[in-house]
């Protein structure tokens, strides 16, 4: 939830989220 304040943590959670939601990977990349 603090991924916005932490660029490193953001990237980590971003990849983790993509792994959990491969179908939502496009939405995550667009909303990045």
Protein backbone atom coordinates (compact mmCIF):
# COMPACT_ATOMS: atom_id res chain seq x y z
CA UNK A 1 0.00 0.00 0.00
CA UNK A 2 3.05 2.24 0.44
CA UNK A 3 4.29 1.22 -3.00
CA UNK A 4 3.76 4.78 -4.25
CA UNK A 5 6.18 6.16 -1.67
CA UNK A 6 8.64 3.34 -2.26
CA UNK A 7 9.69 2.95 -5.93
CA UNK A 8 11.62 -0.23 -5.14
CA UNK A 9 8.73 -1.79 -3.24
CA UNK A 10 6.38 -0.63 -5.98
CA UNK A 11 8.30 -2.56 -8.62
CA UNK A 12 8.45 -5.61 -6.37
CA UNK A 13 4.72 -5.56 -5.70
CA UNK A 14 4.07 -4.75 -9.33
CA UNK A 15 5.79 -7.94 -10.48
CA UNK A 16 4.23 -9.94 -7.66
CA UNK A 17 0.77 -8.64 -8.55
CA UNK A 18 1.37 -9.46 -12.22
CA UNK A 19 2.34 -13.00 -11.22
CA UNK A 20 -0.85 -13.37 -9.21
CA UNK A 21 -2.95 -11.70 -11.90
CA UNK A 22 -1.39 -12.40 -15.32
CA UNK A 23 -4.66 -11.48 -16.99
CA UNK A 24 -4.66 -8.10 -15.24
CA UNK A 25 -1.03 -7.51 -16.17
CA UNK A 26 -2.15 -5.21 -19.00
CA UNK A 27 -4.34 -3.18 -16.68
CA UNK A 28 -1.52 -2.89 -14.15
CA UNK A 29 0.94 -1.73 -16.80
CA UNK A 30 -1.53 0.83 -18.13
CA UNK A 31 -2.40 2.05 -14.64
CA UNK A 32 1.27 2.25 -13.76
